[in-house]
Amino acid sequence: MTTPLRPLPRLIFASRWLQLPLYLGLILAQGVYVFQFWTELVHLIEAAFGNAHALELLVKSVGYKNDAVPGALNETLLMLAVLGLIDVVMISNLLIMVIVGGYETFVSRMDLDGHPDQPEWLSHVNASVLKVKLGTAIIGISSIHLLKTFINADNYREQTLMWQTIIHLAFLLSAIAIAYTDRLLAPAHGNKHQAH
């Protein structure tokens, strides 16, 4: 039997539910990303079939600059558009990790044990695992942005290219540092459990 909490600890513990509107807001943001993905995909398909207006919208959305809008979908435009779609999917995956992992870690258990669709990483999720997963997801997103920039390098100043590369390296080093710190702390946690 668990002893009932005193009023102040009960209030403090119940305050975790204040995060619920934040996670619901992220679910709405996920919906906006789904809409964005389908809008871009429709423009890409229409442009592939020769729709000039869709091609113009696609050129603007991917940041492709040329003296004139190309008469048809070219390889560079196609690659930039597809990378944009991949970017939306990766950000959407990041949102799912934050929503599901954050809710499970900081708000309440979802009791998904045995559910066929339970994400494999959720069974051992905690704050440090979530940090490492988010770090690697951010590196993936940053890599896509960097690749888009280099494919379209003629439209960026050298200084922009340099800063994007430096920021990407900073993300990479931060993720490595987080993973290394987590690895250093993991044996300490394991020894503590064995002592008990």
C-alpha atoms as a PDB file:
ATOM      1  CA  MET A   1       0.000   0.000   0.000  1.00  0.00           C
ATOM      2  CA  THR A   2       1.248   3.458  -0.836  1.00  0.00           C
ATOM      3  CA  THR A   3       0.948   6.163   1.769  1.00  0.00           C
ATOM      4  CA  PRO A   4      -1.091   9.158   0.623  1.00  0.00           C
ATOM      5  CA  LEU A   5       0.924  12.257  -0.217  1.00  0.00           C
ATOM      6  CA  ARG A   6       0.750  15.329   1.973  1.00  0.00           C
ATOM      7  CA  PRO A   7      -1.034  18.308   0.323  1.00  0.00           C
ATOM      8  CA  LEU A   8       2.085  20.225  -0.790  1.00  0.00           C
ATOM      9  CA  PRO A   9       3.913  17.224  -2.335  1.00  0.00           C
ATOM     10  CA  ARG A  10       0.606  16.173  -3.954  1.00  0.00           C
ATOM     11  CA  LEU A  11       0.256  19.653  -5.515  1.00  0.00           C
ATOM     12  CA  ILE A  12       3.874  19.671  -6.698  1.00  0.00           C
ATOM     13  CA  PHE A  13       3.540  16.172  -8.184  1.00  0.00           C
ATOM     14  CA  ALA A  14       0.222  17.048  -9.850  1.00  0.00           C
ATOM     15  CA  SER A  15       1.869  20.081 -11.494  1.00  0.00           C
ATOM     16  CA  ARG A  16       3.353  17.678 -14.071  1.00  0.00           C
ATOM     17  CA  TRP A  17      -0.073  17.741 -15.770  1.00  0.00           C
ATOM     18  CA  LEU A  18       0.596  21.374 -16.731  1.00  0.00           C
ATOM     19  CA  GLN A  19       2.789  19.898 -19.480  1.00  0.00           C
ATOM     20  CA  LEU A  20      -0.212  18.203 -21.099  1.00  0.00           C
ATOM     21  CA  PRO A  21      -1.311  21.315 -23.088  1.00  0.00           C
ATOM     22  CA  LEU A  22       2.266  21.584 -24.396  1.00  0.00           C
ATOM     23  CA  TYR A  23       2.173  18.036 -25.770  1.00  0.00           C
ATOM     24  CA  LEU A  24      -1.299  18.626 -27.236  1.00  0.00           C
ATOM     25  CA  GLY A  25       0.114  21.757 -28.928  1.00  0.00           C
ATOM     26  CA  LEU A  26       2.915  19.664 -30.425  1.00  0.00           C
ATOM     27  CA  ILE A  27       0.294  17.250 -31.783  1.00  0.00           C
ATOM     28  CA  LEU A  28      -1.359  20.237 -33.540  1.00  0.00           C
ATOM     29  CA  ALA A  29       2.081  21.260 -34.881  1.00  0.00           C
ATOM     30  CA  GLN A  30       2.422  17.698 -36.211  1.00  0.00           C
ATOM     31  CA  GLY A  31      -0.870  18.199 -38.071  1.00  0.00           C
ATOM     32  CA  VAL A  32       0.506  21.399 -39.663  1.00  0.00           C
ATOM     33  CA  TYR A  33       3.602  19.454 -40.792  1.00  0.00           C
ATOM     34  CA  VAL A  34       1.385  16.769 -42.382  1.00  0.00           C
ATOM     35  CA  PHE A  35      -0.489  19.513 -44.274  1.00  0.00           C
ATOM     36  CA  GLN A  36       2.830  21.107 -45.345  1.00  0.00           C
ATOM     37  CA  PHE A  37       4.149  17.745 -46.558  1.00  0.00           C
ATOM     38  CA  TRP A  38       1.090  17.045 -48.723  1.00  0.00           C
ATOM     39  CA  THR A  39       1.059  20.595 -50.133  1.00  0.00           C
ATOM     40  CA  GLU A  40       4.715  20.280 -51.199  1.00  0.00           C
ATOM     41  CA  LEU A  41       4.149  16.776 -52.581  1.00  0.00           C
ATOM     42  CA  VAL A  42       1.163  17.926 -54.669  1.00  0.00           C
ATOM     43  CA  HIS A  43       3.242  20.829 -56.068  1.00  0.00           C
ATOM     44  CA  LEU A  44       6.055  18.407 -56.920  1.00  0.00           C
ATOM     45  CA  ILE A  45       3.734  15.968 -58.710  1.00  0.00           C
ATOM     46  CA  GLU A  46       1.967  18.777 -60.612  1.00  0.00           C
ATOM     47  CA  ALA A  47       5.337  20.295 -61.600  1.00  0.00           C
ATOM     48  CA  ALA A  48       6.511  16.884 -62.836  1.00  0.00           C
ATOM     49  CA  PHE A  49       3.472  16.807 -65.152  1.00  0.00           C
ATOM     50  CA  GLY A  50       4.298  20.262 -66.531  1.00  0.00           C
ATOM     51  CA  ASN A  51       2.106  22.598 -64.442  1.00  0.00           C
ATOM     52  CA  ALA A  52       3.916  25.981 -64.678  1.00  0.00           C
ATOM     53  CA  HIS A  53       2.218  27.499 -61.603  1.00  0.00           C
ATOM     54  CA  ALA A  54       3.123  24.477 -59.442  1.00  0.00           C
ATOM     55  CA  LEU A  55       6.701  24.684 -60.735  1.00  0.00           C
ATOM     56  CA  GLU A  56       6.874  28.371 -59.787  1.00  0.00           C
ATOM     57  CA  LEU A  57       5.559  27.592 -56.268  1.00  0.00           C
ATOM     58  CA  LEU A  58       8.079  24.753 -55.948  1.00  0.00           C
ATOM     59  CA  VAL A  59      10.966  27.004 -57.001  1.00  0.00           C
ATOM     60  CA  LYS A  60       9.969  29.558 -54.323  1.00  0.00           C
ATOM     61  CA  SER A  61       9.479  26.966 -51.574  1.00  0.00           C
ATOM     62  CA  VAL A  62      12.862  25.258 -52.047  1.00  0.00           C
ATOM     63  CA  GLY A  63      14.763  28.554 -52.315  1.00  0.00           C
ATOM     64  CA  TYR A  64      16.055  27.799 -55.805  1.00  0.00           C
ATOM     65  CA  LYS A  65      17.234  30.985 -57.462  1.00  0.00           C
ATOM     66  CA  ASN A  66      18.014  31.344 -61.099  1.00  0.00           C
ATOM     67  CA  ASP A  67      17.795  34.175 -63.611  1.00  0.00           C
ATOM     68  CA  ALA A  68      14.467  32.726 -64.733  1.00  0.00           C
ATOM     69  CA  VAL A  69      12.126  30.001 -63.523  1.00  0.00           C
ATOM     70  CA  PRO A  70      13.123  26.815 -65.405  1.00  0.00           C
ATOM     71  CA  GLY A  71      10.684  25.643 -68.055  1.00  0.00           C
ATOM     72  CA  ALA A  72      10.466  22.170 -66.515  1.00  0.00           C
ATOM     73  CA  LEU A  73      11.384  20.269 -63.388  1.00  0.00           C
ATOM     74  CA  ASN A  74      15.148  19.692 -63.425  1.00  0.00           C
ATOM     75  CA  GLU A  75      17.306  17.335 -61.333  1.00  0.00           C
ATOM     76  CA  THR A  76      18.455  20.014 -58.887  1.00  0.00           C
ATOM     77  CA  LEU A  77      14.910  21.196 -58.231  1.00  0.00           C
ATOM     78  CA  LEU A  78      13.698  17.613 -57.823  1.00  0.00           C
ATOM     79  CA  MET A  79      16.494  16.826 -55.380  1.00  0.00           C
ATOM     80  CA  LEU A  80      15.823  19.984 -53.334  1.00  0.00           C
ATOM     81  CA  ALA A  81      12.081  19.242 -53.230  1.00  0.00           C
ATOM     82  CA  VAL A  82      12.626  15.625 -52.127  1.00  0.00           C
ATOM     83  CA  LEU A  83      15.136  16.715 -49.474  1.00  0.00           C
ATOM     84  CA  GLY A  84      12.517  19.207 -48.263  1.00  0.00           C
ATOM     85  CA  LEU A  85       9.995  16.355 -47.923  1.00  0.00           C
ATOM     86  CA  ILE A  86      12.548  14.217 -46.056  1.00  0.00           C
ATOM     87  CA  ASP A  87      13.221  17.190 -43.777  1.00  0.00           C
ATOM     88  CA  VAL A  88       9.505  17.456 -42.924  1.00  0.00           C
ATOM     89  CA  VAL A  89       9.381  13.707 -42.147  1.00  0.00           C
ATOM     90  CA  MET A  90      12.460  13.901 -39.897  1.00  0.00           C
ATOM     91  CA  ILE A  91      11.074  16.879 -37.982  1.00  0.00           C
ATOM     92  CA  SER A  92       7.794  14.977 -37.652  1.00  0.00           C
ATOM     93  CA  ASN A  93       9.724  11.988 -36.224  1.00  0.00           C
ATOM     94  CA  LEU A  94      11.403  14.356 -33.778  1.00  0.00           C
ATOM     95  CA  LEU A  95       7.989  15.646 -32.720  1.00  0.00           C
ATOM     96  CA  ILE A  96       6.753  12.090 -32.082  1.00  0.00           C
ATOM     97  CA  MET A  97       9.833  11.349 -29.961  1.00  0.00           C
ATOM     98  CA  VAL A  98       9.266  14.481 -27.899  1.00  0.00           C
ATOM     99  CA  ILE A  99       5.497  13.943 -27.542  1.00  0.00           C
ATOM    100  CA  VAL A 100       5.525  10.223 -26.719  1.00  0.00           C
ATOM    101  CA  GLY A 101       8.859  10.059 -24.880  1.00  0.00           C
ATOM    102  CA  GLY A 102       8.312  13.307 -22.989  1.00  0.00           C
ATOM    103  CA  TYR A 103       4.797  12.392 -21.890  1.00  0.00           C
ATOM    104  CA  GLU A 104       5.926   8.912 -20.795  1.00  0.00           C
ATOM    105  CA  THR A 105       8.974  10.274 -18.940  1.00  0.00           C
ATOM    106  CA  PHE A 106       7.627  13.437 -17.337  1.00  0.00           C
ATOM    107  CA  VAL A 107       3.823  13.199 -17.129  1.00  0.00           C
ATOM    108  CA  SER A 108       2.316   9.717 -16.909  1.00  0.00           C
ATOM    109  CA  ARG A 109       2.825   6.116 -18.029  1.00  0.00           C
ATOM    110  CA  MET A 110       0.951   5.148 -21.171  1.00  0.00           C
ATOM    111  CA  ASP A 111       0.877   1.405 -20.329  1.00  0.00           C
ATOM    112  CA  LEU A 112       1.856   0.321 -23.836  1.00  0.00           C
ATOM    113  CA  ASP A 113       3.645  -2.868 -22.697  1.00  0.00           C
ATOM    114  CA  GLY A 114       2.632  -5.696 -24.998  1.00  0.00           C
ATOM    115  CA  HIS A 115       1.005  -3.346 -27.540  1.00  0.00           C
ATOM    116  CA  PRO A 116       2.057  -4.426 -31.064  1.00  0.00           C
ATOM    117  CA  ASP A 117       2.732  -0.813 -32.118  1.00  0.00           C
ATOM    118  CA  GLN A 118       4.806   0.180 -29.082  1.00  0.00           C
ATOM    119  CA  PRO A 119       7.997   1.896 -30.312  1.00  0.00           C
ATOM    120  CA  GLU A 120      11.013  -0.289 -29.416  1.00  0.00           C
ATOM    121  CA  TRP A 121      12.855   2.645 -27.831  1.00  0.00           C
ATOM    122  CA  LEU A 122       9.957   3.485 -25.496  1.00  0.00           C
ATOM    123  CA  SER A 123      10.476   0.417 -23.294  1.00  0.00           C
ATOM    124  CA  HIS A 124      13.783   1.817 -21.986  1.00  0.00           C
ATOM    125  CA  VAL A 125      13.155   5.543 -22.343  1.00  0.00           C
ATOM    126  CA  ASN A 126      14.297   7.969 -19.669  1.00  0.00           C
ATOM    127  CA  ALA A 127      15.504  11.574 -19.711  1.00  0.00           C
ATOM    128  CA  SER A 128      19.076  10.694 -20.777  1.00  0.00           C
ATOM    129  CA  VAL A 129      17.973   8.255 -23.538  1.00  0.00           C
ATOM    130  CA  LEU A 130      15.563  10.924 -24.788  1.00  0.00           C
ATOM    131  CA  LYS A 131      18.377  13.518 -24.882  1.00  0.00           C
ATOM    132  CA  VAL A 132      20.621  11.233 -26.964  1.00  0.00           C
ATOM    133  CA  LYS A 133      17.769  10.332 -29.363  1.00  0.00           C
ATOM    134  CA  LEU A 134      16.816  14.004 -29.778  1.00  0.00           C
ATOM    135  CA  GLY A 135      20.467  14.917 -30.346  1.00  0.00           C
ATOM    136  CA  THR A 136      20.851  12.355 -33.136  1.00  0.00           C
ATOM    137  CA  ALA A 137      17.523  13.433 -34.693  1.00  0.00           C
ATOM    138  CA  ILE A 138      18.669  17.081 -34.700  1.00  0.00           C
ATOM    139  CA  ILE A 139      21.941  16.044 -36.387  1.00  0.00           C
ATOM    140  CA  GLY A 140      19.935  14.249 -39.086  1.00  0.00           C
ATOM    141  CA  ILE A 141      17.772  17.327 -39.679  1.00  0.00           C
ATOM    142  CA  SER A 142      20.834  19.586 -39.726  1.00  0.00           C
ATOM    143  CA  SER A 143      22.518  17.228 -42.247  1.00  0.00           C
ATOM    144  CA  ILE A 144      19.534  17.506 -44.599  1.00  0.00           C
ATOM    145  CA  HIS A 145      19.609  21.329 -44.338  1.00  0.00           C
ATOM    146  CA  LEU A 146      23.355  21.367 -44.997  1.00  0.00           C
ATOM    147  CA  LEU A 147      22.963  19.075 -48.009  1.00  0.00           C
ATOM    148  CA  LYS A 148      20.190  21.299 -49.407  1.00  0.00           C
ATOM    149  CA  THR A 149      22.456  24.327 -48.964  1.00  0.00           C
ATOM    150  CA  PHE A 150      25.399  22.681 -50.748  1.00  0.00           C
ATOM    151  CA  ILE A 151      23.218  21.468 -53.647  1.00  0.00           C
ATOM    152  CA  ASN A 152      21.957  25.034 -54.020  1.00  0.00           C
ATOM    153  CA  ALA A 153      25.318  26.622 -53.071  1.00  0.00           C
ATOM    154  CA  ASP A 154      25.312  29.170 -55.912  1.00  0.00           C
ATOM    155  CA  ASN A 155      22.415  30.940 -54.200  1.00  0.00           C
ATOM    156  CA  TYR A 156      24.170  31.350 -50.836  1.00  0.00           C
ATOM    157  CA  ARG A 157      26.999  33.585 -49.730  1.00  0.00           C
ATOM    158  CA  GLU A 158      30.236  31.883 -48.653  1.00  0.00           C
ATOM    159  CA  GLN A 159      29.718  33.184 -45.121  1.00  0.00           C
ATOM    160  CA  THR A 160      26.298  31.467 -44.904  1.00  0.00           C
ATOM    161  CA  LEU A 161      27.820  28.155 -46.048  1.00  0.00           C
ATOM    162  CA  MET A 162      30.595  28.485 -43.472  1.00  0.00           C
ATOM    163  CA  TRP A 163      28.211  29.252 -40.588  1.00  0.00           C
ATOM    164  CA  GLN A 164      25.830  26.424 -41.489  1.00  0.00           C
ATOM    165  CA  THR A 165      28.771  24.006 -41.475  1.00  0.00           C
ATOM    166  CA  ILE A 166      30.031  25.341 -38.123  1.00  0.00           C
ATOM    167  CA  ILE A 167      26.548  25.073 -36.569  1.00  0.00           C
ATOM    168  CA  HIS A 168      26.200  21.502 -37.878  1.00  0.00           C
ATOM    169  CA  LEU A 169      29.578  20.594 -36.342  1.00  0.00           C
ATOM    170  CA  ALA A 170      28.455  22.178 -33.053  1.00  0.00           C
ATOM    171  CA  PHE A 171      25.322  19.971 -33.085  1.00  0.00           C
ATOM    172  CA  LEU A 172      27.509  16.946 -33.829  1.00  0.00           C
ATOM    173  CA  LEU A 173      29.954  17.687 -30.994  1.00  0.00           C
ATOM    174  CA  SER A 174      27.084  18.377 -28.571  1.00  0.00           C
ATOM    175  CA  ALA A 175      25.438  15.026 -29.374  1.00  0.00           C
ATOM    176  CA  ILE A 176      28.761  13.201 -28.955  1.00  0.00           C
ATOM    177  CA  ALA A 177      29.316  14.945 -25.601  1.00  0.00           C
ATOM    178  CA  ILE A 178      25.784  14.055 -24.409  1.00  0.00           C
ATOM    179  CA  ALA A 179      26.202  10.403 -25.482  1.00  0.00           C
ATOM    180  CA  TYR A 180      29.653  10.194 -23.868  1.00  0.00           C
ATOM    181  CA  THR A 181      28.398  11.730 -20.604  1.00  0.00           C
ATOM    182  CA  ASP A 182      25.458   9.325 -20.622  1.00  0.00           C
ATOM    183  CA  ARG A 183      27.843   6.400 -21.140  1.00  0.00           C
ATOM    184  CA  LEU A 184      30.051   7.569 -18.249  1.00  0.00           C
ATOM    185  CA  LEU A 185      27.031   7.854 -15.958  1.00  0.00           C
ATOM    186  CA  ALA A 186      25.470   4.518 -17.025  1.00  0.00           C
ATOM    187  CA  PRO A 187      27.972   2.276 -15.123  1.00  0.00           C
ATOM    188  CA  ALA A 188      27.476   4.425 -11.993  1.00  0.00           C
ATOM    189  CA  HIS A 189      23.715   3.844 -12.177  1.00  0.00           C
ATOM    190  CA  GLY A 190      24.289   0.107 -12.778  1.00  0.00           C
ATOM    191  CA  ASN A 191      26.573  -0.190  -9.722  1.00  0.00           C
ATOM    192  CA  LYS A 192      24.045   1.667  -7.579  1.00  0.00           C
ATOM    193  CA  HIS A 193      21.299  -0.827  -8.562  1.00  0.00           C
ATOM    194  CA  GLN A 194      23.586  -3.798  -7.846  1.00  0.00           C
ATOM    195  CA  ALA A 195      24.402  -2.429  -4.388  1.00  0.00           C
ATOM    196  CA  HIS A 196      20.697  -2.458  -3.534  1.00  0.00           C
END
